[in-house]
C-alpha atoms as a PDB file:
ATOM      1  CA  UNK A   1      -2.893  -0.656  22.589  1.00  0.00           C
ATOM      2  CA  UNK A   2      -1.135   1.938  24.708  1.00  0.00           C
ATOM      3  CA  UNK A   3      -1.333   5.036  22.514  1.00  0.00           C
ATOM      4  CA  UNK A   4       0.631   8.123  23.431  1.00  0.00           C
ATOM      5  CA  UNK A   5      -0.329   9.763  20.143  1.00  0.00           C
ATOM      6  CA  UNK A   6      -3.774  11.057  19.267  1.00  0.00           C
ATOM      7  CA  UNK A   7      -6.143   8.345  17.974  1.00  0.00           C
ATOM      8  CA  UNK A   8      -6.248   8.301  14.192  1.00  0.00           C
ATOM      9  CA  UNK A   9      -9.052   7.521  11.756  1.00  0.00           C
ATOM     10  CA  UNK A  10      -8.862   4.067  10.207  1.00  0.00           C
ATOM     11  CA  UNK A  11      -8.589   5.622   6.748  1.00  0.00           C
ATOM     12  CA  UNK A  12      -5.975   8.316   6.303  1.00  0.00           C
ATOM     13  CA  UNK A  13      -4.649  10.295   3.400  1.00  0.00           C
ATOM     14  CA  UNK A  14      -1.082   9.660   2.238  1.00  0.00           C
ATOM     15  CA  UNK A  15       0.868  12.615   0.927  1.00  0.00           C
ATOM     16  CA  UNK A  16       2.825  11.234  -1.995  1.00  0.00           C
ATOM     17  CA  UNK A  17       0.286  12.462  -4.514  1.00  0.00           C
ATOM     18  CA  UNK A  18       0.509  16.007  -3.164  1.00  0.00           C
ATOM     19  CA  UNK A  19       4.242  15.743  -3.774  1.00  0.00           C
ATOM     20  CA  UNK A  20       3.693  15.062  -7.491  1.00  0.00           C
ATOM     21  CA  UNK A  21       4.487  11.336  -7.469  1.00  0.00           C
ATOM     22  CA  UNK A  22       4.355   9.998 -11.016  1.00  0.00           C
ATOM     23  CA  UNK A  23       2.460  13.058 -12.318  1.00  0.00           C
ATOM     24  CA  UNK A  24       2.030  16.755 -11.587  1.00  0.00           C
ATOM     25  CA  UNK A  25      -0.852  17.955  -9.403  1.00  0.00           C
ATOM     26  CA  UNK A  26      -2.132  21.524  -9.457  1.00  0.00           C
ATOM     27  CA  UNK A  27      -2.473  23.619  -6.300  1.00  0.00           C
ATOM     28  CA  UNK A  28      -6.252  23.686  -6.748  1.00  0.00           C
ATOM     29  CA  UNK A  29      -6.421  19.865  -7.144  1.00  0.00           C
ATOM     30  CA  UNK A  30      -4.282  19.386  -4.057  1.00  0.00           C
ATOM     31  CA  UNK A  31      -6.558  21.635  -1.989  1.00  0.00           C
ATOM     32  CA  UNK A  32      -9.623  19.870  -3.355  1.00  0.00           C
ATOM     33  CA  UNK A  33      -8.177  16.436  -2.537  1.00  0.00           C
ATOM     34  CA  UNK A  34      -7.637  17.359   1.093  1.00  0.00           C
ATOM     35  CA  UNK A  35     -11.086  18.969   1.287  1.00  0.00           C
ATOM     36  CA  UNK A  36     -12.701  15.846  -0.197  1.00  0.00           C
ATOM     37  CA  UNK A  37     -10.864  13.653   2.295  1.00  0.00           C
ATOM     38  CA  UNK A  38     -12.000  15.861   5.162  1.00  0.00           C
ATOM     39  CA  UNK A  39     -15.620  15.784   3.923  1.00  0.00           C
ATOM     40  CA  UNK A  40     -15.383  11.969   3.833  1.00  0.00           C
ATOM     41  CA  UNK A  41     -14.489  11.884   7.531  1.00  0.00           C
ATOM     42  CA  UNK A  42     -10.735  11.389   7.195  1.00  0.00           C
ATOM     43  CA  UNK A  43      -8.804  13.030  10.021  1.00  0.00           C
ATOM     44  CA  UNK A  44      -5.336  11.532   9.609  1.00  0.00           C
ATOM     45  CA  UNK A  45      -2.902  13.032   7.113  1.00  0.00           C
ATOM     46  CA  UNK A  46       0.679  11.922   6.398  1.00  0.00           C
ATOM     47  CA  UNK A  47       3.387  13.788   4.540  1.00  0.00           C
ATOM     48  CA  UNK A  48       7.198  14.059   4.335  1.00  0.00           C
ATOM     49  CA  UNK A  49       9.910  16.533   3.288  1.00  0.00           C
ATOM     50  CA  UNK A  50      10.957  13.983   0.647  1.00  0.00           C
ATOM     51  CA  UNK A  51       7.659  14.216  -1.232  1.00  0.00           C
ATOM     52  CA  UNK A  52       8.374  16.799  -3.920  1.00  0.00           C
ATOM     53  CA  UNK A  53      11.224  18.318  -1.813  1.00  0.00           C
ATOM     54  CA  UNK A  54       8.749  20.022   0.497  1.00  0.00           C
ATOM     55  CA  UNK A  55       5.887  20.318  -1.967  1.00  0.00           C
ATOM     56  CA  UNK A  56       3.584  17.886  -0.139  1.00  0.00           C
ATOM     57  CA  UNK A  57       4.158  19.517   3.246  1.00  0.00           C
ATOM     58  CA  UNK A  58       3.538  22.946   1.782  1.00  0.00           C
ATOM     59  CA  UNK A  59       0.280  21.850   0.174  1.00  0.00           C
ATOM     60  CA  UNK A  60      -0.981  20.077   3.306  1.00  0.00           C
ATOM     61  CA  UNK A  61      -0.232  23.173   5.316  1.00  0.00           C
ATOM     62  CA  UNK A  62      -2.164  25.355   2.911  1.00  0.00           C
ATOM     63  CA  UNK A  63      -5.124  22.957   2.972  1.00  0.00           C
ATOM     64  CA  UNK A  64      -5.228  22.240   6.723  1.00  0.00           C
ATOM     65  CA  UNK A  65      -4.377  25.511   8.399  1.00  0.00           C
ATOM     66  CA  UNK A  66      -7.989  26.709   8.263  1.00  0.00           C
ATOM     67  CA  UNK A  67      -9.122  23.510   9.993  1.00  0.00           C
ATOM     68  CA  UNK A  68      -9.232  23.223  13.815  1.00  0.00           C
ATOM     69  CA  UNK A  69      -5.795  21.872  14.741  1.00  0.00           C
ATOM     70  CA  UNK A  70      -7.148  19.639  17.494  1.00  0.00           C
ATOM     71  CA  UNK A  71      -9.567  17.968  15.072  1.00  0.00           C
ATOM     72  CA  UNK A  72      -7.025  15.943  13.093  1.00  0.00           C
ATOM     73  CA  UNK A  73      -3.746  14.023  13.376  1.00  0.00           C
ATOM     74  CA  UNK A  74      -0.750  14.947  11.214  1.00  0.00           C
ATOM     75  CA  UNK A  75       2.427  12.985  10.682  1.00  0.00           C
ATOM     76  CA  UNK A  76       5.576  13.820   8.801  1.00  0.00           C
ATOM     77  CA  UNK A  77       9.056  12.387   8.569  1.00  0.00           C
ATOM     78  CA  UNK A  78      12.670  13.065   9.407  1.00  0.00           C
ATOM     79  CA  UNK A  79      16.000  11.870   8.003  1.00  0.00           C
ATOM     80  CA  UNK A  80      16.235  14.325   5.107  1.00  0.00           C
ATOM     81  CA  UNK A  81      16.936  18.011   5.550  1.00  0.00           C
ATOM     82  CA  UNK A  82      16.032  20.331   2.694  1.00  0.00           C
ATOM     83  CA  UNK A  83      18.712  22.807   1.646  1.00  0.00           C
ATOM     84  CA  UNK A  84      18.074  25.764  -0.740  1.00  0.00           C
ATOM     85  CA  UNK A  85      18.718  24.780  -4.347  1.00  0.00           C
ATOM     86  CA  UNK A  86      17.324  27.252  -6.915  1.00  0.00           C
ATOM     87  CA  UNK A  87      16.951  24.667  -9.679  1.00  0.00           C
ATOM     88  CA  UNK A  88      15.057  22.265  -7.410  1.00  0.00           C
ATOM     89  CA  UNK A  89      15.866  18.589  -7.079  1.00  0.00           C
ATOM     90  CA  UNK A  90      13.727  16.149  -9.036  1.00  0.00           C
ATOM     91  CA  UNK A  91      14.049  12.658  -7.570  1.00  0.00           C
ATOM     92  CA  UNK A  92      12.054   9.730  -8.965  1.00  0.00           C
ATOM     93  CA  UNK A  93       9.233   8.842  -8.529  1.00  0.00           C
ATOM     94  CA  UNK A  94       8.399  12.512  -7.966  1.00  0.00           C
ATOM     95  CA  UNK A  95       8.097  14.807 -10.982  1.00  0.00           C
ATOM     96  CA  UNK A  96       7.654  18.110  -9.117  1.00  0.00           C
ATOM     97  CA  UNK A  97       9.789  19.978  -6.574  1.00  0.00           C
ATOM     98  CA  UNK A  98      10.193  23.111  -4.540  1.00  0.00           C
ATOM     99  CA  UNK A  99      13.611  24.860  -4.791  1.00  0.00           C
ATOM    100  CA  UNK A 100      15.425  22.568  -2.372  1.00  0.00           C
ATOM    101  CA  UNK A 101      17.776  19.572  -2.420  1.00  0.00           C
ATOM    102  CA  UNK A 102      17.649  16.662  -0.012  1.00  0.00           C
ATOM    103  CA  UNK A 103      20.481  15.962   2.447  1.00  0.00           C
ATOM    104  CA  UNK A 104      20.368  12.888   4.700  1.00  0.00           C
ATOM    105  CA  UNK A 105      20.753  13.437   8.438  1.00  0.00           C
ATOM    106  CA  UNK A 106      19.837  10.757  10.992  1.00  0.00           C
ATOM    107  CA  UNK A 107      21.249  12.556  14.048  1.00  0.00           C
ATOM    108  CA  UNK A 108      19.259  13.960  16.976  1.00  0.00           C
ATOM    109  CA  UNK A 109      20.252  17.491  15.967  1.00  0.00           C
ATOM    110  CA  UNK A 110      19.137  16.780  12.393  1.00  0.00           C
ATOM    111  CA  UNK A 111      15.772  15.462  13.654  1.00  0.00           C
ATOM    112  CA  UNK A 112      15.121  18.622  15.657  1.00  0.00           C
ATOM    113  CA  UNK A 113      16.090  20.826  12.728  1.00  0.00           C
ATOM    114  CA  UNK A 114      13.946  18.787  10.360  1.00  0.00           C
ATOM    115  CA  UNK A 115      10.843  19.156  12.554  1.00  0.00           C
ATOM    116  CA  UNK A 116      11.403  22.883  12.901  1.00  0.00           C
ATOM    117  CA  UNK A 117      11.715  23.204   9.130  1.00  0.00           C
ATOM    118  CA  UNK A 118       8.605  21.078   8.540  1.00  0.00           C
ATOM    119  CA  UNK A 119       6.606  23.278  10.893  1.00  0.00           C
ATOM    120  CA  UNK A 120       7.723  26.299   8.852  1.00  0.00           C
ATOM    121  CA  UNK A 121       6.633  24.692   5.569  1.00  0.00           C
ATOM    122  CA  UNK A 122       3.352  23.500   7.078  1.00  0.00           C
ATOM    123  CA  UNK A 123       2.769  26.794   8.907  1.00  0.00           C
ATOM    124  CA  UNK A 124       1.168  24.758  11.699  1.00  0.00           C
ATOM    125  CA  UNK A 125       1.821  24.771  15.429  1.00  0.00           C
ATOM    126  CA  UNK A 126       2.734  21.170  16.017  1.00  0.00           C
ATOM    127  CA  UNK A 127       3.170  17.732  14.499  1.00  0.00           C
ATOM    128  CA  UNK A 128       1.592  14.680  16.153  1.00  0.00           C
ATOM    129  CA  UNK A 129       3.657  11.769  14.843  1.00  0.00           C
ATOM    130  CA  UNK A 130       7.155  11.692  13.339  1.00  0.00           C
ATOM    131  CA  UNK A 131       8.562   8.799  11.318  1.00  0.00           C
ATOM    132  CA  UNK A 132      12.250   8.236  10.584  1.00  0.00           C
ATOM    133  CA  UNK A 133      12.076   7.978   6.810  1.00  0.00           C
ATOM    134  CA  UNK A 134      13.575   5.326   4.505  1.00  0.00           C
ATOM    135  CA  UNK A 135      16.035   3.946   7.096  1.00  0.00           C
ATOM    136  CA  UNK A 136      15.868   0.628   5.319  1.00  0.00           C
ATOM    137  CA  UNK A 137      17.962  -1.885   3.372  1.00  0.00           C
ATOM    138  CA  UNK A 138      15.880  -1.416   0.225  1.00  0.00           C
ATOM    139  CA  UNK A 139      16.943   2.248   0.129  1.00  0.00           C
ATOM    140  CA  UNK A 140      20.534   2.200   1.394  1.00  0.00           C
ATOM    141  CA  UNK A 141      21.747  -1.276   0.448  1.00  0.00           C
ATOM    142  CA  UNK A 142      25.210  -1.862   1.937  1.00  0.00           C
ATOM    143  CA  UNK A 143      25.027   1.505   3.721  1.00  0.00           C
ATOM    144  CA  UNK A 144      21.964   0.515   5.762  1.00  0.00           C
ATOM    145  CA  UNK A 145      23.810  -0.812   8.800  1.00  0.00           C
ATOM    146  CA  UNK A 146      25.965   2.337   9.026  1.00  0.00           C
ATOM    147  CA  UNK A 147      22.963   4.677   8.799  1.00  0.00           C
ATOM    148  CA  UNK A 148      20.919   2.607  11.243  1.00  0.00           C
ATOM    149  CA  UNK A 149      23.795   2.722  13.727  1.00  0.00           C
ATOM    150  CA  UNK A 150      23.806   6.503  13.471  1.00  0.00           C
ATOM    151  CA  UNK A 151      20.058   6.742  14.054  1.00  0.00           C
ATOM    152  CA  UNK A 152      19.999   4.204  16.917  1.00  0.00           C
ATOM    153  CA  UNK A 153      23.238   5.274  18.599  1.00  0.00           C
ATOM    154  CA  UNK A 154      24.063   7.980  21.067  1.00  0.00           C
ATOM    155  CA  UNK A 155      23.127  11.390  19.676  1.00  0.00           C
ATOM    156  CA  UNK A 156      21.033   9.731  16.964  1.00  0.00           C
ATOM    157  CA  UNK A 157      17.512  10.182  15.665  1.00  0.00           C
ATOM    158  CA  UNK A 158      15.903   7.663  18.027  1.00  0.00           C
ATOM    159  CA  UNK A 159      17.349   9.338  21.108  1.00  0.00           C
ATOM    160  CA  UNK A 160      16.345  12.723  19.775  1.00  0.00           C
ATOM    161  CA  UNK A 161      12.752  11.628  19.098  1.00  0.00           C
ATOM    162  CA  UNK A 162      12.366  10.109  22.562  1.00  0.00           C
ATOM    163  CA  UNK A 163      13.497  13.413  24.036  1.00  0.00           C
ATOM    164  CA  UNK A 164      11.137  15.430  21.813  1.00  0.00           C
ATOM    165  CA  UNK A 165       8.288  13.160  22.904  1.00  0.00           C
ATOM    166  CA  UNK A 166       9.236  13.702  26.536  1.00  0.00           C
ATOM    167  CA  UNK A 167       9.285  17.465  25.925  1.00  0.00           C
ATOM    168  CA  UNK A 168       5.789  17.311  24.392  1.00  0.00           C
ATOM    169  CA  UNK A 169       6.982  18.603  21.010  1.00  0.00           C
ATOM    170  CA  UNK A 170       5.634  15.425  19.380  1.00  0.00           C
ATOM    171  CA  UNK A 171       3.149  12.824  20.610  1.00  0.00           C
ATOM    172  CA  UNK A 172       4.688   9.727  19.068  1.00  0.00           C
ATOM    173  CA  UNK A 173       7.412   8.454  16.747  1.00  0.00           C
ATOM    174  CA  UNK A 174       8.497   5.441  14.764  1.00  0.00           C
ATOM    175  CA  UNK A 175       9.867   4.507  11.359  1.00  0.00           C
ATOM    176  CA  UNK A 176       8.402   5.093   7.910  1.00  0.00           C
ATOM    177  CA  UNK A 177       9.893   2.316   5.761  1.00  0.00           C
ATOM    178  CA  UNK A 178       9.213  -0.292   3.116  1.00  0.00           C
ATOM    179  CA  UNK A 179      10.754  -3.295   4.911  1.00  0.00           C
ATOM    180  CA  UNK A 180      10.188  -5.145   8.177  1.00  0.00           C
ATOM    181  CA  UNK A 181      13.766  -5.479   9.486  1.00  0.00           C
ATOM    182  CA  UNK A 182      14.322  -1.853  10.568  1.00  0.00           C
ATOM    183  CA  UNK A 183      11.059  -1.893  12.559  1.00  0.00           C
ATOM    184  CA  UNK A 184      12.151  -5.018  14.412  1.00  0.00           C
ATOM    185  CA  UNK A 185      15.490  -3.483  15.198  1.00  0.00           C
ATOM    186  CA  UNK A 186      13.936  -0.285  16.415  1.00  0.00           C
ATOM    187  CA  UNK A 187      11.639  -2.162  18.802  1.00  0.00           C
ATOM    188  CA  UNK A 188      14.616  -4.075  20.135  1.00  0.00           C
ATOM    189  CA  UNK A 189      16.851  -1.014  20.586  1.00  0.00           C
ATOM    190  CA  UNK A 190      14.487   1.860  21.466  1.00  0.00           C
ATOM    191  CA  UNK A 191      10.921   2.787  22.356  1.00  0.00           C
ATOM    192  CA  UNK A 192       8.915   3.587  19.195  1.00  0.00           C
ATOM    193  CA  UNK A 193       5.150   4.078  19.310  1.00  0.00           C
ATOM    194  CA  UNK A 194       4.026   3.419  15.768  1.00  0.00           C
ATOM    195  CA  UNK A 195       5.358   2.419  12.351  1.00  0.00           C
ATOM    196  CA  UNK A 196       4.380   3.449   8.876  1.00  0.00           C
ATOM    197  CA  UNK A 197       5.050   0.327   6.846  1.00  0.00           C
ATOM    198  CA  UNK A 198       4.476   0.649   3.103  1.00  0.00           C
ATOM    199  CA  UNK A 199       3.499  -2.208   0.840  1.00  0.00           C
ATOM    200  CA  UNK A 200       4.432  -5.128   3.097  1.00  0.00           C
ATOM    201  CA  UNK A 201       1.011  -6.114   4.461  1.00  0.00           C
ATOM    202  CA  UNK A 202      -1.308  -6.250   1.477  1.00  0.00           C
ATOM    203  CA  UNK A 203      -3.108  -8.807  -0.662  1.00  0.00           C
ATOM    204  CA  UNK A 204       0.236  -9.219  -2.443  1.00  0.00           C
ATOM    205  CA  UNK A 205       2.446  -9.814   0.605  1.00  0.00           C
ATOM    206  CA  UNK A 206       2.051 -10.493   4.353  1.00  0.00           C
ATOM    207  CA  UNK A 207       5.649 -10.539   5.617  1.00  0.00           C
ATOM    208  CA  UNK A 208       4.929  -8.748   8.968  1.00  0.00           C
ATOM    209  CA  UNK A 209       2.811 -11.649  10.230  1.00  0.00           C
ATOM    210  CA  UNK A 210       5.887 -13.722  11.165  1.00  0.00           C
ATOM    211  CA  UNK A 211       7.692 -11.501  13.617  1.00  0.00           C
ATOM    212  CA  UNK A 212       6.852  -7.794  13.431  1.00  0.00           C
ATOM    213  CA  UNK A 213       3.157  -7.865  14.212  1.00  0.00           C
ATOM    214  CA  UNK A 214       3.573 -10.205  17.214  1.00  0.00           C
ATOM    215  CA  UNK A 215       6.334  -7.995  18.622  1.00  0.00           C
ATOM    216  CA  UNK A 216       4.209  -4.866  18.054  1.00  0.00           C
ATOM    217  CA  UNK A 217       1.365  -6.488  19.950  1.00  0.00           C
ATOM    218  CA  UNK A 218       3.709  -7.377  22.795  1.00  0.00           C
ATOM    219  CA  UNK A 219       5.186  -3.874  22.987  1.00  0.00           C
ATOM    220  CA  UNK A 220       1.916  -1.970  22.400  1.00  0.00           C
ATOM    221  CA  UNK A 221       3.116  -0.402  19.158  1.00  0.00           C
ATOM    222  CA  UNK A 222       0.751   0.421  16.304  1.00  0.00           C
ATOM    223  CA  UNK A 223       1.201   0.093  12.551  1.00  0.00           C
ATOM    224  CA  UNK A 224      -0.072   2.341   9.798  1.00  0.00           C
ATOM    225  CA  UNK A 225      -0.198   0.648   6.405  1.00  0.00           C
ATOM    226  CA  UNK A 226       1.144   2.795   3.609  1.00  0.00           C
ATOM    227  CA  UNK A 227       0.798   1.743   0.005  1.00  0.00           C
ATOM    228  CA  UNK A 228      -2.207  -0.592   0.504  1.00  0.00           C
ATOM    229  CA  UNK A 229      -2.491  -0.804  -3.279  1.00  0.00           C
ATOM    230  CA  UNK A 230       1.266  -1.499  -3.703  1.00  0.00           C
ATOM    231  CA  UNK A 231       1.922   1.762  -5.573  1.00  0.00           C
ATOM    232  CA  UNK A 232      -1.492   1.604  -7.206  1.00  0.00           C
ATOM    233  CA  UNK A 233      -0.995  -1.922  -8.558  1.00  0.00           C
ATOM    234  CA  UNK A 234      -4.012  -3.480  -6.749  1.00  0.00           C
ATOM    235  CA  UNK A 235      -6.152  -0.593  -8.004  1.00  0.00           C
ATOM    236  CA  UNK A 236      -5.264  -1.375 -11.611  1.00  0.00           C
ATOM    237  CA  UNK A 237      -1.974   0.489 -12.021  1.00  0.00           C
ATOM    238  CA  UNK A 238       1.201  -0.627 -13.749  1.00  0.00           C
ATOM    239  CA  UNK A 239       3.666   0.021 -10.925  1.00  0.00           C
ATOM    240  CA  UNK A 240       4.490  -2.250  -7.997  1.00  0.00           C
ATOM    241  CA  UNK A 241       6.620  -0.800  -5.184  1.00  0.00           C
ATOM    242  CA  UNK A 242       7.410   2.259  -7.327  1.00  0.00           C
ATOM    243  CA  UNK A 243       8.693   0.217 -10.292  1.00  0.00           C
ATOM    244  CA  UNK A 244       7.051  -1.484 -13.294  1.00  0.00           C
ATOM    245  CA  UNK A 245       5.321  -4.674 -12.161  1.00  0.00           C
ATOM    246  CA  UNK A 246       7.031  -7.972 -12.904  1.00  0.00           C
ATOM    247  CA  UNK A 247       5.246 -10.922 -14.588  1.00  0.00           C
ATOM    248  CA  UNK A 248       4.905 -12.855 -11.323  1.00  0.00           C
ATOM    249  CA  UNK A 249       3.218  -9.898  -9.641  1.00  0.00           C
ATOM    250  CA  UNK A 250       0.861  -9.498 -12.588  1.00  0.00           C
ATOM    251  CA  UNK A 251       0.014 -13.230 -12.426  1.00  0.00           C
ATOM    252  CA  UNK A 252      -0.859 -13.039  -8.726  1.00  0.00           C
ATOM    253  CA  UNK A 253      -3.042  -9.980  -9.316  1.00  0.00           C
ATOM    254  CA  UNK A 254      -4.846 -11.864 -12.059  1.00  0.00           C
ATOM    255  CA  UNK A 255      -5.659 -14.672  -9.592  1.00  0.00           C
ATOM    256  CA  UNK A 256      -6.937 -12.140  -7.089  1.00  0.00           C
ATOM    257  CA  UNK A 257      -9.049 -10.462  -9.750  1.00  0.00           C
ATOM    258  CA  UNK A 258     -10.569 -13.767 -10.794  1.00  0.00           C
ATOM    259  CA  UNK A 259     -11.785 -14.454  -7.271  1.00  0.00           C
ATOM    260  CA  UNK A 260     -13.021 -10.880  -6.935  1.00  0.00           C
ATOM    261  CA  UNK A 261     -14.942 -11.201 -10.198  1.00  0.00           C
ATOM    262  CA  UNK A 262     -16.650 -14.382  -9.032  1.00  0.00           C
ATOM    263  CA  UNK A 263     -18.018 -12.478  -6.027  1.00  0.00           C
ATOM    264  CA  UNK A 264     -18.729  -9.169  -7.818  1.00  0.00           C
ATOM    265  CA  UNK A 265     -16.099  -7.417  -5.686  1.00  0.00           C
ATOM    266  CA  UNK A 266     -13.914  -4.480  -6.648  1.00  0.00           C
ATOM    267  CA  UNK A 267     -10.396  -5.759  -5.885  1.00  0.00           C
ATOM    268  CA  UNK A 268      -9.349  -2.246  -4.810  1.00  0.00           C
ATOM    269  CA  UNK A 269     -11.990  -2.354  -2.027  1.00  0.00           C
ATOM    270  CA  UNK A 270     -10.677  -5.658  -0.798  1.00  0.00           C
ATOM    271  CA  UNK A 271      -7.094  -4.387  -0.911  1.00  0.00           C
ATOM    272  CA  UNK A 272      -7.993  -1.360   1.183  1.00  0.00           C
ATOM    273  CA  UNK A 273      -9.977  -3.272   3.796  1.00  0.00           C
ATOM    274  CA  UNK A 274      -7.797  -6.369   4.161  1.00  0.00           C
ATOM    275  CA  UNK A 275      -4.983  -4.961   6.323  1.00  0.00           C
ATOM    276  CA  UNK A 276      -7.284  -3.276   8.818  1.00  0.00           C
ATOM    277  CA  UNK A 277      -8.485  -6.625  10.130  1.00  0.00           C
ATOM    278  CA  UNK A 278      -5.218  -7.130  12.008  1.00  0.00           C
ATOM    279  CA  UNK A 279      -5.439  -5.810  15.603  1.00  0.00           C
ATOM    280  CA  UNK A 280      -2.061  -4.003  15.519  1.00  0.00           C
ATOM    281  CA  UNK A 281      -3.037  -2.012  12.423  1.00  0.00           C
ATOM    282  CA  UNK A 282      -4.224   1.486  13.372  1.00  0.00           C
ATOM    283  CA  UNK A 283      -4.919   2.870   9.890  1.00  0.00           C
ATOM    284  CA  UNK A 284      -4.308   2.556   6.178  1.00  0.00           C
ATOM    285  CA  UNK A 285      -3.283   5.553   4.075  1.00  0.00           C
ATOM    286  CA  UNK A 286      -3.645   5.362   0.300  1.00  0.00           C
ATOM    287  CA  UNK A 287      -2.408   8.378  -1.560  1.00  0.00           C
ATOM    288  CA  UNK A 288      -4.779  10.826  -3.249  1.00  0.00           C
ATOM    289  CA  UNK A 289      -3.857  13.619  -5.635  1.00  0.00           C
ATOM    290  CA  UNK A 290      -7.406  14.600  -6.630  1.00  0.00           C
ATOM    291  CA  UNK A 291     -10.836  14.823  -4.999  1.00  0.00           C
ATOM    292  CA  UNK A 292     -11.942  11.919  -7.152  1.00  0.00           C
ATOM    293  CA  UNK A 293      -9.211   9.710  -5.662  1.00  0.00           C
ATOM    294  CA  UNK A 294     -10.086  10.810  -2.134  1.00  0.00           C
ATOM    295  CA  UNK A 295     -13.805  10.159  -2.594  1.00  0.00           C
ATOM    296  CA  UNK A 296     -13.108   6.788  -4.199  1.00  0.00           C
ATOM    297  CA  UNK A 297     -10.924   5.696  -1.289  1.00  0.00           C
ATOM    298  CA  UNK A 298     -13.615   6.581   1.203  1.00  0.00           C
ATOM    299  CA  UNK A 299     -16.281   4.797  -0.857  1.00  0.00           C
ATOM    300  CA  UNK A 300     -14.124   1.651  -1.130  1.00  0.00           C
ATOM    301  CA  UNK A 301     -13.944   1.487   2.667  1.00  0.00           C
ATOM    302  CA  UNK A 302     -17.721   1.262   2.816  1.00  0.00           C
ATOM    303  CA  UNK A 303     -18.095  -1.568   0.301  1.00  0.00           C
ATOM    304  CA  UNK A 304     -19.650  -4.658   1.918  1.00  0.00           C
ATOM    305  CA  UNK A 305     -17.482  -7.686   1.151  1.00  0.00           C
ATOM    306  CA  UNK A 306     -18.976 -11.118   1.909  1.00  0.00           C
ATOM    307  CA  UNK A 307     -17.114 -13.576   4.109  1.00  0.00           C
ATOM    308  CA  UNK A 308     -17.179 -16.089   1.262  1.00  0.00           C
ATOM    309  CA  UNK A 309     -14.821 -13.898  -0.749  1.00  0.00           C
ATOM    310  CA  UNK A 310     -12.184 -13.903   1.977  1.00  0.00           C
ATOM    311  CA  UNK A 311     -12.648 -17.626   2.606  1.00  0.00           C
ATOM    312  CA  UNK A 312     -12.053 -18.359  -1.084  1.00  0.00           C
ATOM    313  CA  UNK A 313      -8.892 -16.276  -1.042  1.00  0.00           C
ATOM    314  CA  UNK A 314      -7.681 -18.391   1.848  1.00  0.00           C
ATOM    315  CA  UNK A 315      -8.702 -21.641   0.144  1.00  0.00           C
ATOM    316  CA  UNK A 316      -6.786 -20.547  -2.962  1.00  0.00           C
ATOM    317  CA  UNK A 317      -3.661 -19.874  -0.896  1.00  0.00           C
ATOM    318  CA  UNK A 318      -3.859 -16.147  -1.611  1.00  0.00           C
ATOM    319  CA  UNK A 319      -4.291 -15.212   2.054  1.00  0.00           C
ATOM    320  CA  UNK A 320      -2.316 -17.094   4.783  1.00  0.00           C
ATOM    321  CA  UNK A 321      -4.072 -18.857   7.637  1.00  0.00           C
ATOM    322  CA  UNK A 322      -2.439 -16.498  10.163  1.00  0.00           C
ATOM    323  CA  UNK A 323      -3.930 -13.378   8.609  1.00  0.00           C
ATOM    324  CA  UNK A 324      -7.102 -12.127  10.328  1.00  0.00           C
ATOM    325  CA  UNK A 325      -9.953 -11.603   7.871  1.00  0.00           C
ATOM    326  CA  UNK A 326     -12.289  -8.576   7.771  1.00  0.00           C
ATOM    327  CA  UNK A 327     -15.686  -9.046   9.400  1.00  0.00           C
ATOM    328  CA  UNK A 328     -17.643  -7.161   6.753  1.00  0.00           C
ATOM    329  CA  UNK A 329     -18.472  -4.167   8.963  1.00  0.00           C
ATOM    330  CA  UNK A 330     -17.747  -0.613   7.714  1.00  0.00           C
ATOM    331  CA  UNK A 331     -14.285   0.432   8.903  1.00  0.00           C
ATOM    332  CA  UNK A 332     -14.051   4.179   8.269  1.00  0.00           C
END
């Protein structure tokens, strides 16, 4: 894979938890979560202005600024500018906020302003990877085509990010989304390096196998898997893709859990390791809002999972034939 960006560790730390997704996190717990991730060997950290209206970026900056900047990779996102708003702006699924409101801007000027603002909140000297955030049908519905046209057109976010990469301000860029279609369009219309795709290549769903992953392989683009637990669902939670899980999702999880139980496997370990077997996948980034979460994620990556478990999943029709299976070697 032709990487312009700095190589990233196979296990990263997602920043939704530090933005108070679903529940509040204290400053001390946020610091401890990043420290625990660092101690576990994690050197890739992802955040976004959207997460707690700047809260996640602020906390990552506080936690990372005493670390050598050339020792880790940091990504954040563009597409939302934060404007002062004294009351703050709570937006589900986040329950915390800094005193800002979110304003969408998918222009090249907006991208440059967003990165400058993120650097201020982070108090760091540079950002390695930038993702265009939530430019996706699941977020915008009927307004998706209009917003994508802004981002992909002249004077749009894609053009701005290519220029920022050429200037050396960032090392790589792509999209941070929950659906496959925008990633395919971006590859067809521009020159992205890497995608952050949340929840679409997991033990619950493997949509990218059909078109996206082959095109990424052809173009030399990488993929980071966000939401490997599908909003915590595969780790025992009640939410799937940020909403209460439906009966069909619960039924599929029960089938997965039955196979895992027969092999004495923690389903969360299998969920975390599964996606990394595909050659275009550069990393997976579960969220962590506490040191316990961070340590658990690292430990799950080291769990030895026998080949028979994966073979039974395939025999049960729970993993498609086209999906590469893990080889049982530690992946951190």
